[in-house]
Amino acid sequence: GSRLDPRRFPVVDGSYVMNVGELQMNITNWGLIGSEFSTVSTFSDAPSAQWPAGSGVEYLFGAGLWVGGVLVGQKLVSTGEFAHEIRCRDDLRDTIYEAKGTRLLRPAGNDIASGRRLPEPKPDDDEDGLIDEETINGYDDDGDGRIDEDFGQIGNQMVVATMVDNTRLAQEQNPAHTPLNLQIVQQAYQWENDDVDDFVGFEFFITNIGVSPISNVYIGFFADCDIGGRSREQAAEDDLAGYFEGPVKA
């Protein structure tokens, strides 16, 4: 089947967007961050680091996590964008999870899911003596018979996707790909306060789920920054971007 076969449970319609702030971003569970906005697809209409919100000016074609390491003597790399070797499993639970205001918004139906955390009142949502012990993923992580009941929300909007680098589909689409056998939990955060609404924060939890150790691990983030308005032709010709690293004093 296609790399984007909807029967394989990737979200490919651009419906999960970090959208409570001024910088808006499409999120997927098959390696891509952004929407490859200058192409024609089922998801390219979604914002792709659009700033300010509603302007139609995008700052990103596509981005994704890359992880490299040495496994049993082989130097290997698993990529999100462009090869989409990091992607969801063939499991309906490996969709994208969105929480707003400490409640699980999507997928709907789990009314016990709760994300209160310090300094909010009752951060031990399920009153089991632990706090923030769950990951929003549709699994019973702590074996108590409940799912996502105490996940610890960060930001006003939190979007979580669980992916691996060893699906059969990834290897079918990329025959040269040898997986490192990784699980990647990608969490994206955004705030709506005017002081902190111009960025999206990402956190990646990477776990070796194979039987052999991985040495010399390198973690990188690939970004193809095509910058310009959606209506402008050949926006890809201008992808000069910069960054700032250092302390900021308010």
C-alpha atoms as a PDB file:
ATOM      1  CA  GLY A   1       0.000   0.000   0.000  1.00  0.00           C
ATOM      2  CA  SER A   2       0.888   3.657  -0.230  1.00  0.00           C
ATOM      3  CA  ARG A   3       3.174   5.232   2.355  1.00  0.00           C
ATOM      4  CA  LEU A   4       0.147   7.371   3.263  1.00  0.00           C
ATOM      5  CA  ASP A   5      -2.432   4.571   3.133  1.00  0.00           C
ATOM      6  CA  PRO A   6      -5.198   5.689   5.547  1.00  0.00           C
ATOM      7  CA  ARG A   7      -5.752   2.061   6.590  1.00  0.00           C
ATOM      8  CA  ARG A   8      -2.336   2.227   8.249  1.00  0.00           C
ATOM      9  CA  PHE A   9      -3.618   4.872  10.730  1.00  0.00           C
ATOM     10  CA  PRO A  10      -1.434   7.840   9.797  1.00  0.00           C
ATOM     11  CA  VAL A  11      -3.256  11.173   9.993  1.00  0.00           C
ATOM     12  CA  VAL A  12      -2.934  12.641   6.505  1.00  0.00           C
ATOM     13  CA  ASP A  13      -5.691  15.259   6.305  1.00  0.00           C
ATOM     14  CA  GLY A  14      -3.932  18.157   8.040  1.00  0.00           C
ATOM     15  CA  SER A  15      -6.490  18.156  10.832  1.00  0.00           C
ATOM     16  CA  TYR A  16      -4.078  18.310  13.797  1.00  0.00           C
ATOM     17  CA  VAL A  17      -2.659  21.810  13.976  1.00  0.00           C
ATOM     18  CA  MET A  18      -0.964  23.703  16.793  1.00  0.00           C
ATOM     19  CA  ASN A  19      -3.339  26.641  16.641  1.00  0.00           C
ATOM     20  CA  VAL A  20      -3.749  28.415  19.988  1.00  0.00           C
ATOM     21  CA  GLY A  21      -0.817  30.754  19.297  1.00  0.00           C
ATOM     22  CA  GLU A  22       0.417  33.020  16.534  1.00  0.00           C
ATOM     23  CA  LEU A  23       2.756  30.427  14.965  1.00  0.00           C
ATOM     24  CA  GLN A  24       0.596  27.604  13.592  1.00  0.00           C
ATOM     25  CA  MET A  25       1.951  24.184  12.646  1.00  0.00           C
ATOM     26  CA  ASN A  26       0.636  20.950  11.138  1.00  0.00           C
ATOM     27  CA  ILE A  27       1.476  17.830  13.147  1.00  0.00           C
ATOM     28  CA  THR A  28       1.542  14.267  11.782  1.00  0.00           C
ATOM     29  CA  ASN A  29       2.292  10.797  13.133  1.00  0.00           C
ATOM     30  CA  TRP A  30       4.387   9.685  10.164  1.00  0.00           C
ATOM     31  CA  GLY A  31       7.527  11.788  10.586  1.00  0.00           C
ATOM     32  CA  LEU A  32       6.520  15.092   8.990  1.00  0.00           C
ATOM     33  CA  ILE A  33       6.234  18.339  10.914  1.00  0.00           C
ATOM     34  CA  GLY A  34       4.684  21.008   8.689  1.00  0.00           C
ATOM     35  CA  SER A  35       2.621  20.530   5.544  1.00  0.00           C
ATOM     36  CA  GLU A  36       4.911  20.757   2.474  1.00  0.00           C
ATOM     37  CA  PHE A  37       2.672  23.686   1.546  1.00  0.00           C
ATOM     38  CA  SER A  38       3.864  24.222  -2.027  1.00  0.00           C
ATOM     39  CA  THR A  39       2.844  20.694  -3.080  1.00  0.00           C
ATOM     40  CA  VAL A  40      -0.604  19.270  -3.785  1.00  0.00           C
ATOM     41  CA  SER A  41      -1.720  16.758  -1.170  1.00  0.00           C
ATOM     42  CA  THR A  42      -4.465  16.008   1.324  1.00  0.00           C
ATOM     43  CA  PHE A  43      -2.571  17.917   4.018  1.00  0.00           C
ATOM     44  CA  SER A  44      -0.767  20.751   2.199  1.00  0.00           C
ATOM     45  CA  ASP A  45      -3.477  23.315   3.008  1.00  0.00           C
ATOM     46  CA  ALA A  46      -2.636  23.042   6.718  1.00  0.00           C
ATOM     47  CA  PRO A  47      -0.378  25.715   8.270  1.00  0.00           C
ATOM     48  CA  SER A  48       3.348  25.059   8.038  1.00  0.00           C
ATOM     49  CA  ALA A  49       4.981  27.344  10.620  1.00  0.00           C
ATOM     50  CA  GLN A  50       2.546  30.036   9.500  1.00  0.00           C
ATOM     51  CA  TRP A  51       3.168  33.363  11.207  1.00  0.00           C
ATOM     52  CA  PRO A  52       1.291  35.366  12.127  1.00  0.00           C
ATOM     53  CA  ALA A  53      -1.774  33.149  12.301  1.00  0.00           C
ATOM     54  CA  GLY A  54      -4.093  33.617   9.337  1.00  0.00           C
ATOM     55  CA  SER A  55      -1.532  35.532   7.269  1.00  0.00           C
ATOM     56  CA  GLY A  56      -0.885  32.771   4.741  1.00  0.00           C
ATOM     57  CA  VAL A  57       2.864  33.348   5.174  1.00  0.00           C
ATOM     58  CA  GLU A  58       4.672  30.067   5.817  1.00  0.00           C
ATOM     59  CA  TYR A  59       8.190  29.586   7.160  1.00  0.00           C
ATOM     60  CA  LEU A  60       8.602  25.832   6.709  1.00  0.00           C
ATOM     61  CA  PHE A  61       8.219  23.293   3.921  1.00  0.00           C
ATOM     62  CA  GLY A  62       8.757  20.282   6.152  1.00  0.00           C
ATOM     63  CA  ALA A  63      10.786  19.155   9.164  1.00  0.00           C
ATOM     64  CA  GLY A  64      11.381  16.022  11.169  1.00  0.00           C
ATOM     65  CA  LEU A  65      13.537  14.187  13.671  1.00  0.00           C
ATOM     66  CA  TRP A  66      16.634  12.258  12.559  1.00  0.00           C
ATOM     67  CA  VAL A  67      18.349   9.714  14.823  1.00  0.00           C
ATOM     68  CA  GLY A  68      21.655   7.993  14.056  1.00  0.00           C
ATOM     69  CA  GLY A  69      23.708   5.398  15.874  1.00  0.00           C
ATOM     70  CA  VAL A  70      25.781   2.233  15.649  1.00  0.00           C
ATOM     71  CA  LEU A  71      23.856  -1.029  15.980  1.00  0.00           C
ATOM     72  CA  VAL A  72      25.751  -4.350  15.822  1.00  0.00           C
ATOM     73  CA  GLY A  73      28.612  -2.621  14.052  1.00  0.00           C
ATOM     74  CA  GLN A  74      26.423  -0.841  11.480  1.00  0.00           C
ATOM     75  CA  LYS A  75      26.119   2.928  11.201  1.00  0.00           C
ATOM     76  CA  LEU A  76      22.395   3.563  10.792  1.00  0.00           C
ATOM     77  CA  VAL A  77      20.098   6.573  10.536  1.00  0.00           C
ATOM     78  CA  SER A  78      16.313   6.753  10.861  1.00  0.00           C
ATOM     79  CA  THR A  79      14.591   9.822   9.462  1.00  0.00           C
ATOM     80  CA  GLY A  80      11.255  11.549   9.844  1.00  0.00           C
ATOM     81  CA  GLU A  81      11.116  13.972   6.933  1.00  0.00           C
ATOM     82  CA  PHE A  82      11.599  13.129   4.011  1.00  0.00           C
ATOM     83  CA  ALA A  83      11.764   9.327   4.055  1.00  0.00           C
ATOM     84  CA  HIS A  84       9.164   8.941   6.842  1.00  0.00           C
ATOM     85  CA  GLU A  85      11.013   5.976   8.329  1.00  0.00           C
ATOM     86  CA  ILE A  86       9.828   7.220  11.726  1.00  0.00           C
ATOM     87  CA  ARG A  87       6.079   6.664  11.688  1.00  0.00           C
ATOM     88  CA  CYS A  88       3.128   5.196  13.546  1.00  0.00           C
ATOM     89  CA  ARG A  89       2.598   1.459  13.871  1.00  0.00           C
ATOM     90  CA  ASP A  90      -0.298  -0.480  12.352  1.00  0.00           C
ATOM     91  CA  ASP A  91      -2.299   0.069  15.512  1.00  0.00           C
ATOM     92  CA  LEU A  92      -5.373   2.250  15.775  1.00  0.00           C
ATOM     93  CA  ARG A  93      -4.102   3.573  19.110  1.00  0.00           C
ATOM     94  CA  ASP A  94      -1.088   5.128  17.376  1.00  0.00           C
ATOM     95  CA  THR A  95      -3.083   8.076  16.119  1.00  0.00           C
ATOM     96  CA  ILE A  96      -2.487  11.657  17.290  1.00  0.00           C
ATOM     97  CA  TYR A  97      -3.732  12.784  20.692  1.00  0.00           C
ATOM     98  CA  GLU A  98      -4.687  16.396  21.402  1.00  0.00           C
ATOM     99  CA  ALA A  99      -5.335  17.925  24.812  1.00  0.00           C
ATOM    100  CA  LYS A 100      -6.504  21.423  25.631  1.00  0.00           C
ATOM    101  CA  GLY A 101      -7.043  22.833  29.083  1.00  0.00           C
ATOM    102  CA  THR A 102      -6.077  19.502  30.781  1.00  0.00           C
ATOM    103  CA  ARG A 103      -8.787  17.570  28.917  1.00  0.00           C
ATOM    104  CA  LEU A 104      -8.292  15.080  26.085  1.00  0.00           C
ATOM    105  CA  LEU A 105      -9.971  16.653  23.070  1.00  0.00           C
ATOM    106  CA  ARG A 106      -9.174  14.094  20.374  1.00  0.00           C
ATOM    107  CA  PRO A 107      -9.746  11.190  19.971  1.00  0.00           C
ATOM    108  CA  ALA A 108     -13.048  11.736  21.734  1.00  0.00           C
ATOM    109  CA  GLY A 109     -14.596   9.268  24.135  1.00  0.00           C
ATOM    110  CA  ASN A 110     -12.129   8.951  27.013  1.00  0.00           C
ATOM    111  CA  ASP A 111     -13.815  11.020  29.702  1.00  0.00           C
ATOM    112  CA  ILE A 112     -11.420   9.961  32.480  1.00  0.00           C
ATOM    113  CA  ALA A 113      -8.341  11.342  30.728  1.00  0.00           C
ATOM    114  CA  SER A 114      -7.004  14.272  32.727  1.00  0.00           C
ATOM    115  CA  GLY A 115      -3.849  16.360  32.633  1.00  0.00           C
ATOM    116  CA  ARG A 116      -3.796  18.491  35.769  1.00  0.00           C
ATOM    117  CA  ARG A 117      -0.276  19.161  37.027  1.00  0.00           C
ATOM    118  CA  LEU A 118       1.449  21.331  39.572  1.00  0.00           C
ATOM    119  CA  PRO A 119       0.787  24.113  40.511  1.00  0.00           C
ATOM    120  CA  GLU A 120      -2.841  23.341  39.570  1.00  0.00           C
ATOM    121  CA  PRO A 121      -5.067  21.843  42.273  1.00  0.00           C
ATOM    122  CA  LYS A 122      -5.307  18.031  42.503  1.00  0.00           C
ATOM    123  CA  PRO A 123      -2.333  17.227  40.233  1.00  0.00           C
ATOM    124  CA  ASP A 124      -2.754  13.560  41.235  1.00  0.00           C
ATOM    125  CA  ASP A 125      -5.728  13.257  38.884  1.00  0.00           C
ATOM    126  CA  ASP A 126      -6.541   9.628  39.739  1.00  0.00           C
ATOM    127  CA  GLU A 127      -5.515   9.855  43.422  1.00  0.00           C
ATOM    128  CA  ASP A 128      -3.117   6.911  43.246  1.00  0.00           C
ATOM    129  CA  GLY A 129      -0.185   8.627  44.961  1.00  0.00           C
ATOM    130  CA  LEU A 130       1.608   9.391  41.680  1.00  0.00           C
ATOM    131  CA  ILE A 131       1.502  12.412  39.398  1.00  0.00           C
ATOM    132  CA  ASP A 132       1.850  12.732  35.620  1.00  0.00           C
ATOM    133  CA  GLU A 133       2.634   9.020  35.191  1.00  0.00           C
ATOM    134  CA  GLU A 134       0.754   8.536  31.919  1.00  0.00           C
ATOM    135  CA  THR A 135       1.630   9.372  28.328  1.00  0.00           C
ATOM    136  CA  ILE A 136      -1.295  10.312  26.087  1.00  0.00           C
ATOM    137  CA  ASN A 137      -1.187   7.296  23.804  1.00  0.00           C
ATOM    138  CA  GLY A 138      -4.273   5.108  24.246  1.00  0.00           C
ATOM    139  CA  TYR A 139      -2.328   2.539  26.310  1.00  0.00           C
ATOM    140  CA  ASP A 140      -2.569   1.642  29.993  1.00  0.00           C
ATOM    141  CA  ASP A 141       1.023   2.695  30.755  1.00  0.00           C
ATOM    142  CA  ASP A 142       0.915   2.045  34.499  1.00  0.00           C
ATOM    143  CA  GLY A 143      -1.162  -1.159  34.437  1.00  0.00           C
ATOM    144  CA  ASP A 144      -3.985   0.137  36.616  1.00  0.00           C
ATOM    145  CA  GLY A 145      -6.805  -0.608  34.184  1.00  0.00           C
ATOM    146  CA  ARG A 146      -7.220   3.053  33.217  1.00  0.00           C
ATOM    147  CA  ILE A 147      -5.940   4.889  30.149  1.00  0.00           C
ATOM    148  CA  ASP A 148      -4.416   8.379  29.985  1.00  0.00           C
ATOM    149  CA  GLU A 149      -5.962   9.240  33.351  1.00  0.00           C
ATOM    150  CA  ASP A 150      -3.017  11.318  34.658  1.00  0.00           C
ATOM    151  CA  PHE A 151      -0.957  12.613  31.760  1.00  0.00           C
ATOM    152  CA  GLY A 152       0.333  16.011  32.923  1.00  0.00           C
ATOM    153  CA  GLN A 153      -0.525  18.675  30.353  1.00  0.00           C
ATOM    154  CA  ILE A 154       2.138  21.141  29.226  1.00  0.00           C
ATOM    155  CA  GLY A 155       0.918  24.341  27.570  1.00  0.00           C
ATOM    156  CA  ASN A 156      -2.611  25.338  26.657  1.00  0.00           C
ATOM    157  CA  GLN A 157      -2.489  22.866  23.749  1.00  0.00           C
ATOM    158  CA  MET A 158      -0.567  19.587  23.766  1.00  0.00           C
ATOM    159  CA  VAL A 159      -0.358  17.188  20.809  1.00  0.00           C
ATOM    160  CA  VAL A 160       1.261  13.756  21.202  1.00  0.00           C
ATOM    161  CA  ALA A 161       2.187  11.077  18.654  1.00  0.00           C
ATOM    162  CA  THR A 162       3.906   7.731  19.272  1.00  0.00           C
ATOM    163  CA  MET A 163       6.026   6.383  16.400  1.00  0.00           C
ATOM    164  CA  VAL A 164       8.677   3.751  15.717  1.00  0.00           C
ATOM    165  CA  ASP A 165      11.367   3.286  13.070  1.00  0.00           C
ATOM    166  CA  ASN A 166      10.824  -0.439  12.414  1.00  0.00           C
ATOM    167  CA  THR A 167       7.433  -0.733  10.723  1.00  0.00           C
ATOM    168  CA  ARG A 168       7.150  -3.072   7.796  1.00  0.00           C
ATOM    169  CA  LEU A 169       5.782  -0.212   5.701  1.00  0.00           C
ATOM    170  CA  ALA A 170       8.852   1.957   6.304  1.00  0.00           C
ATOM    171  CA  GLN A 171      11.095  -0.849   5.102  1.00  0.00           C
ATOM    172  CA  GLU A 172       8.873  -1.560   2.091  1.00  0.00           C
ATOM    173  CA  GLN A 173       8.972   2.087   1.049  1.00  0.00           C
ATOM    174  CA  ASN A 174      12.710   2.439   1.766  1.00  0.00           C
ATOM    175  CA  PRO A 175      14.392  -0.922   1.016  1.00  0.00           C
ATOM    176  CA  ALA A 176      17.797   0.396   2.115  1.00  0.00           C
ATOM    177  CA  HIS A 177      16.438   1.319   5.554  1.00  0.00           C
ATOM    178  CA  THR A 178      17.710  -0.764   8.467  1.00  0.00           C
ATOM    179  CA  PRO A 179      15.931   0.292  11.667  1.00  0.00           C
ATOM    180  CA  LEU A 180      17.606   1.104  14.938  1.00  0.00           C
ATOM    181  CA  ASN A 181      14.478  -0.286  16.657  1.00  0.00           C
ATOM    182  CA  LEU A 182      13.428   2.951  18.286  1.00  0.00           C
ATOM    183  CA  GLN A 183      10.212   4.197  19.780  1.00  0.00           C
ATOM    184  CA  ILE A 184       9.735   7.950  19.569  1.00  0.00           C
ATOM    185  CA  VAL A 185       7.091   9.822  21.536  1.00  0.00           C
ATOM    186  CA  GLN A 186       6.773  13.270  19.989  1.00  0.00           C
ATOM    187  CA  GLN A 187       5.085  15.903  22.169  1.00  0.00           C
ATOM    188  CA  ALA A 188       4.287  19.386  20.882  1.00  0.00           C
ATOM    189  CA  TYR A 189       3.285  22.268  23.161  1.00  0.00           C
ATOM    190  CA  GLN A 190       1.846  25.728  22.598  1.00  0.00           C
ATOM    191  CA  TRP A 191       0.647  28.595  24.776  1.00  0.00           C
ATOM    192  CA  GLU A 192      -1.994  31.248  24.018  1.00  0.00           C
ATOM    193  CA  ASN A 193      -0.665  34.029  26.246  1.00  0.00           C
ATOM    194  CA  ASP A 194       0.583  36.978  24.178  1.00  0.00           C
ATOM    195  CA  ASP A 195       3.996  36.809  25.859  1.00  0.00           C
ATOM    196  CA  VAL A 196       4.676  33.211  24.757  1.00  0.00           C
ATOM    197  CA  ASP A 197       2.499  32.537  21.710  1.00  0.00           C
ATOM    198  CA  ASP A 198       5.045  32.915  18.892  1.00  0.00           C
ATOM    199  CA  PHE A 199       6.548  29.428  18.978  1.00  0.00           C
ATOM    200  CA  VAL A 200       5.776  25.711  19.213  1.00  0.00           C
ATOM    201  CA  GLY A 201       7.821  23.631  21.647  1.00  0.00           C
ATOM    202  CA  PHE A 202       8.763  20.021  20.877  1.00  0.00           C
ATOM    203  CA  GLU A 203       9.970  17.279  23.200  1.00  0.00           C
ATOM    204  CA  PHE A 204      11.043  13.826  22.026  1.00  0.00           C
ATOM    205  CA  PHE A 205      11.261  10.734  24.216  1.00  0.00           C
ATOM    206  CA  ILE A 206      13.399   8.147  22.403  1.00  0.00           C
ATOM    207  CA  THR A 207      13.594   4.541  23.620  1.00  0.00           C
ATOM    208  CA  ASN A 208      15.562   1.560  22.335  1.00  0.00           C
ATOM    209  CA  ILE A 209      12.905  -1.163  21.988  1.00  0.00           C
ATOM    210  CA  GLY A 210      15.274  -3.655  20.368  1.00  0.00           C
ATOM    211  CA  VAL A 211      17.407  -6.344  21.981  1.00  0.00           C
ATOM    212  CA  SER A 212      20.839  -4.879  21.172  1.00  0.00           C
ATOM    213  CA  PRO A 213      22.427  -1.717  22.577  1.00  0.00           C
ATOM    214  CA  ILE A 214      22.935   1.321  20.357  1.00  0.00           C
ATOM    215  CA  SER A 215      26.184   3.273  20.672  1.00  0.00           C
ATOM    216  CA  ASN A 216      27.402   6.638  19.354  1.00  0.00           C
ATOM    217  CA  VAL A 217      23.874   8.021  19.214  1.00  0.00           C
ATOM    218  CA  TYR A 218      23.309  11.320  17.431  1.00  0.00           C
ATOM    219  CA  ILE A 219      20.009  13.177  17.421  1.00  0.00           C
ATOM    220  CA  GLY A 220      19.273  15.907  14.905  1.00  0.00           C
ATOM    221  CA  PHE A 221      16.386  17.906  13.544  1.00  0.00           C
ATOM    222  CA  PHE A 222      16.033  18.368   9.791  1.00  0.00           C
ATOM    223  CA  ALA A 223      14.201  21.442   8.505  1.00  0.00           C
ATOM    224  CA  ASP A 224      13.566  22.628   4.947  1.00  0.00           C
ATOM    225  CA  CYS A 225      12.584  26.282   5.400  1.00  0.00           C
ATOM    226  CA  ASP A 226      10.712  27.506   2.307  1.00  0.00           C
ATOM    227  CA  ILE A 227       9.647  31.001   3.300  1.00  0.00           C
ATOM    228  CA  GLY A 228       6.884  33.045   1.736  1.00  0.00           C
ATOM    229  CA  GLY A 229       3.207  33.560   1.144  1.00  0.00           C
ATOM    230  CA  ARG A 230       1.168  30.642  -0.115  1.00  0.00           C
ATOM    231  CA  SER A 231       0.091  32.635  -3.147  1.00  0.00           C
ATOM    232  CA  ARG A 232       3.671  33.371  -4.175  1.00  0.00           C
ATOM    233  CA  GLU A 233       5.106  31.160  -6.867  1.00  0.00           C
ATOM    234  CA  GLN A 234       8.438  29.402  -6.326  1.00  0.00           C
ATOM    235  CA  ALA A 235       8.537  30.104  -2.600  1.00  0.00           C
ATOM    236  CA  ALA A 236      11.151  27.352  -2.362  1.00  0.00           C
ATOM    237  CA  GLU A 237      13.725  29.657  -3.977  1.00  0.00           C
ATOM    238  CA  ASP A 238      13.871  31.659  -0.739  1.00  0.00           C
ATOM    239  CA  ASP A 239      14.656  29.439   2.218  1.00  0.00           C
ATOM    240  CA  LEU A 240      17.266  31.551   3.964  1.00  0.00           C
ATOM    241  CA  ALA A 241      16.574  31.396   7.690  1.00  0.00           C
ATOM    242  CA  GLY A 242      18.531  32.160  10.832  1.00  0.00           C
ATOM    243  CA  TYR A 243      18.335  31.360  14.493  1.00  0.00           C
ATOM    244  CA  PHE A 244      19.309  32.839  17.834  1.00  0.00           C
ATOM    245  CA  GLU A 245      21.024  30.923  20.599  1.00  0.00           C
ATOM    246  CA  GLY A 246      21.571  32.449  24.010  1.00  0.00           C
ATOM    247  CA  PRO A 247      19.855  33.969  27.027  1.00  0.00           C
ATOM    248  CA  VAL A 248      17.035  36.470  26.744  1.00  0.00           C
ATOM    249  CA  LYS A 249      16.330  39.108  29.361  1.00  0.00           C
ATOM    250  CA  ALA A 250      12.734  40.276  29.542  1.00  0.00           C
END
